[in-house]
Amino acid sequence: GHSITIDAGHGGNDSGAIGPTGVTEKSVTLRVALALQKILTSEGATVYMTRTTDTEVSPKGAAASDIEELQARCDVANQHDSDIFISIHMDSFTNGAAKGTTGYYYSLGSQRSRDLADKVRQGVIDQIGTQSRGTQSSNFYVVKHTDMPATLVEVAFISNPQEEQLLNSEEGIEKAAQGIADGIADYFG
């Protein structure tokens, strides 16, 4: 019965990070978001998606500034008065050995945002077996400018060859989505 906005990070002319074999962050985040939408809808949630295809979210498309694009994602959640906002991303680092899952929430946000970030991060780890990089505060635009508890989850490192391979597989996508769904269920208790 809850309403949830899912934001698949990046999209359109913004590929996000790119893994060692060329897998793009925007393609993985969209696949996870669509799988998550399916799970949550089947469990009775109302789900709003910032994007369902490889495109920008802002009506200005590729001409939008970074801020306009990020605000358009927040607007989807805020205009639908969603209960929570989940932004899905893949991490990246110059060193391919970096790995793991991180949950982020707005540094001046509510304890509920921290709780959501913590539970979603743990759900992902339980499903895909990544190491925990903890739950951290941030000033990421999408968690700062949403009116409800919000988290940005860095599912795994696309720059890590093993994690890139995992997240480019059907099983990895399904497990990541299930992990986020488990975290959401845990959050709502």
Protein backbone atom coordinates (compact mmCIF):
# COMPACT_ATOMS: atom_id res chain seq x y z
CA GLY A 1 0.00 0.00 0.00
CA HIS A 2 3.00 2.34 0.03
CA SER A 3 4.01 4.63 -2.80
CA ILE A 4 7.63 4.45 -3.86
CA THR A 5 9.61 6.41 -6.43
CA ILE A 6 12.47 4.52 -8.04
CA ASP A 7 15.20 6.50 -9.76
CA ALA A 8 17.46 4.63 -12.17
CA GLY A 9 20.63 6.72 -12.07
CA HIS A 10 21.95 8.39 -15.22
CA GLY A 11 20.44 7.69 -18.67
CA GLY A 12 20.29 9.15 -22.15
CA ASN A 13 23.46 11.09 -22.98
CA ASP A 14 24.79 10.43 -19.44
CA SER A 15 26.19 6.89 -19.31
CA GLY A 16 27.43 7.20 -15.74
CA ALA A 17 30.46 5.06 -14.92
CA ILE A 18 31.69 2.45 -17.41
CA GLY A 19 33.06 -0.94 -16.35
CA PRO A 20 36.23 -2.64 -17.61
CA THR A 21 34.33 -4.53 -20.35
CA GLY A 22 32.23 -1.50 -21.33
CA VAL A 23 29.09 -2.15 -19.28
CA THR A 24 27.46 1.23 -18.55
CA GLU A 25 26.10 2.30 -15.20
CA LYS A 26 22.94 3.68 -16.87
CA SER A 27 22.08 0.25 -18.35
CA VAL A 28 22.57 -1.64 -15.08
CA THR A 29 20.62 0.90 -12.98
CA LEU A 30 17.70 0.74 -15.42
CA ARG A 31 17.64 -3.07 -15.42
CA VAL A 32 17.67 -3.16 -11.60
CA ALA A 33 15.00 -0.43 -11.40
CA LEU A 34 12.66 -2.29 -13.78
CA ALA A 35 13.13 -5.58 -11.90
CA LEU A 36 12.47 -3.75 -8.61
CA GLN A 37 9.33 -2.14 -10.06
CA LYS A 38 8.01 -5.60 -10.94
CA ILE A 39 8.66 -6.95 -7.42
CA LEU A 40 7.17 -3.96 -5.59
CA THR A 41 4.10 -3.77 -7.84
CA SER A 42 3.42 -7.48 -7.30
CA GLU A 43 3.56 -6.83 -3.54
CA GLY A 44 0.92 -4.10 -3.78
CA ALA A 45 3.01 -0.93 -3.83
CA THR A 46 2.31 2.05 -6.07
CA VAL A 47 5.54 2.61 -7.97
CA TYR A 48 6.62 5.75 -9.80
CA MET A 49 9.65 5.56 -12.08
CA THR A 50 11.85 8.52 -12.96
CA ARG A 51 12.64 6.70 -16.23
CA THR A 52 11.74 3.37 -17.85
CA THR A 53 13.94 3.72 -20.93
CA ASP A 54 17.43 4.96 -21.75
CA THR A 55 16.60 8.65 -21.62
CA GLU A 56 16.98 11.84 -19.62
CA VAL A 57 14.24 12.65 -17.09
CA SER A 58 14.08 16.42 -17.61
CA PRO A 59 11.65 17.59 -20.31
CA LYS A 60 14.66 19.48 -21.74
CA GLY A 61 16.31 16.13 -22.49
CA ALA A 62 20.01 16.30 -23.32
CA ALA A 63 19.86 20.12 -23.18
CA ALA A 64 19.09 20.11 -19.45
CA SER A 65 21.78 21.20 -17.01
CA ASP A 66 22.90 18.66 -14.41
CA ILE A 67 20.81 20.44 -11.76
CA GLU A 68 17.70 20.54 -14.00
CA GLU A 69 18.10 16.81 -14.68
CA LEU A 70 18.49 15.97 -10.98
CA GLN A 71 15.59 18.24 -9.98
CA ALA A 72 13.35 16.50 -12.56
CA ARG A 73 14.05 13.22 -10.72
CA CYS A 74 13.13 14.78 -7.37
CA ASP A 75 9.99 16.28 -8.94
CA VAL A 76 8.66 12.81 -9.83
CA ALA A 77 8.78 11.79 -6.15
CA ASN A 78 7.62 15.15 -4.77
CA GLN A 79 4.69 15.58 -7.18
CA HIS A 80 3.41 12.07 -6.39
CA ASP A 81 3.94 12.60 -2.65
CA SER A 82 5.76 9.26 -2.47
CA ASP A 83 6.41 7.61 0.90
CA ILE A 84 10.06 6.96 0.01
CA PHE A 85 12.58 7.68 -2.77
CA ILE A 86 15.23 5.15 -3.90
CA SER A 87 17.98 6.21 -6.30
CA ILE A 88 19.94 3.30 -7.79
CA HIS A 89 23.59 3.74 -8.78
CA MET A 90 26.78 1.76 -9.41
CA ASP A 91 30.00 2.90 -7.78
CA SER A 92 33.29 3.38 -9.59
CA PHE A 93 36.90 3.95 -8.63
CA THR A 94 40.23 4.23 -10.48
CA ASN A 95 41.45 1.13 -8.62
CA GLY A 96 39.56 -1.92 -9.96
CA ALA A 97 39.96 -3.68 -6.60
CA ALA A 98 37.49 -1.31 -4.88
CA LYS A 99 34.28 -3.20 -4.12
CA GLY A 100 31.15 -3.31 -2.03
CA THR A 101 27.79 -1.68 -1.37
CA THR A 102 27.14 1.74 0.19
CA GLY A 103 23.91 3.38 1.38
CA TYR A 104 23.70 7.18 1.35
CA TYR A 105 21.26 9.62 2.94
CA TYR A 106 21.18 13.42 3.22
CA SER A 107 23.48 14.60 6.02
CA LEU A 108 20.85 16.96 7.45
CA GLY A 109 17.98 14.62 6.67
CA SER A 110 15.77 12.64 8.98
CA GLN A 111 16.68 9.58 11.01
CA ARG A 112 14.12 7.81 8.80
CA SER A 113 16.31 8.47 5.73
CA ARG A 114 19.31 6.99 7.53
CA ASP A 115 17.21 3.98 8.55
CA LEU A 116 16.01 3.50 4.95
CA ALA A 117 19.58 3.77 3.58
CA ASP A 118 20.80 1.26 6.16
CA LYS A 119 18.08 -1.31 5.49
CA VAL A 120 18.31 -1.09 1.68
CA ARG A 121 22.13 -1.42 1.82
CA GLN A 122 21.82 -4.47 4.09
CA GLY A 123 19.14 -6.03 1.85
CA VAL A 124 21.41 -5.73 -1.19
CA ILE A 125 24.39 -7.23 0.67
CA ASP A 126 22.28 -10.14 1.92
CA GLN A 127 21.22 -10.92 -1.66
CA ILE A 128 24.36 -10.35 -3.75
CA GLY A 129 27.04 -11.01 -1.13
CA THR A 130 29.02 -7.80 -1.57
CA GLN A 131 31.03 -6.38 1.30
CA SER A 132 29.52 -3.52 3.29
CA ARG A 133 30.95 -0.05 2.87
CA GLY A 134 28.50 1.24 5.45
CA THR A 135 25.76 3.84 5.50
CA GLN A 136 27.06 7.35 4.98
CA SER A 137 25.69 10.87 5.00
CA SER A 138 26.01 12.87 1.79
CA ASN A 139 24.86 16.01 0.03
CA PHE A 140 23.77 14.20 -3.13
CA TYR A 141 21.17 16.37 -4.86
CA VAL A 142 18.47 13.72 -5.15
CA VAL A 143 18.48 12.82 -1.45
CA LYS A 144 18.67 16.47 -0.40
CA HIS A 145 15.80 17.81 -2.55
CA THR A 146 13.18 15.10 -2.03
CA ASP A 147 10.40 15.70 0.52
CA MET A 148 10.36 12.15 1.91
CA PRO A 149 12.84 9.66 3.37
CA ALA A 150 15.34 9.05 0.57
CA THR A 151 18.40 6.94 -0.12
CA LEU A 152 20.93 6.62 -2.90
CA VAL A 153 22.30 3.10 -3.00
CA GLU A 154 25.61 2.32 -4.69
CA VAL A 155 24.80 -1.34 -5.40
CA ALA A 156 28.35 -2.42 -6.31
CA PHE A 157 31.44 -1.21 -8.15
CA ILE A 158 31.05 -1.32 -11.92
CA SER A 159 34.82 -0.63 -12.03
CA ASN A 160 35.47 -3.96 -10.26
CA PRO A 161 35.63 -6.80 -12.85
CA GLN A 162 33.80 -9.36 -10.65
CA GLU A 163 31.08 -6.92 -9.57
CA GLU A 164 30.65 -5.64 -13.15
CA GLN A 165 30.17 -9.25 -14.31
CA LEU A 166 27.68 -9.94 -11.50
CA LEU A 167 25.62 -6.83 -12.25
CA ASN A 168 25.61 -7.53 -15.97
CA SER A 169 23.98 -10.94 -15.39
CA GLU A 170 20.25 -11.66 -15.15
CA GLU A 171 20.80 -13.32 -11.77
CA GLY A 172 22.76 -10.33 -10.44
CA ILE A 173 20.08 -7.89 -11.58
CA GLU A 174 17.27 -9.96 -10.01
CA LYS A 175 19.16 -10.40 -6.73
CA ALA A 176 20.05 -6.70 -6.49
CA ALA A 177 16.39 -5.77 -7.07
CA GLN A 178 15.22 -8.35 -4.51
CA GLY A 179 17.76 -6.98 -2.02
CA ILE A 180 16.43 -3.44 -2.41
CA ALA A 181 12.85 -4.75 -2.10
CA ASP A 182 13.81 -6.68 1.07
CA GLY A 183 15.33 -3.51 2.53
CA ILE A 184 12.17 -1.54 1.73
CA ALA A 185 9.98 -4.22 3.34
CA ASP A 186 12.23 -4.17 6.40
CA TYR A 187 12.00 -0.36 6.55
CA PHE A 188 8.18 -0.39 6.51
CA GLY A 189 8.26 -3.25 9.03
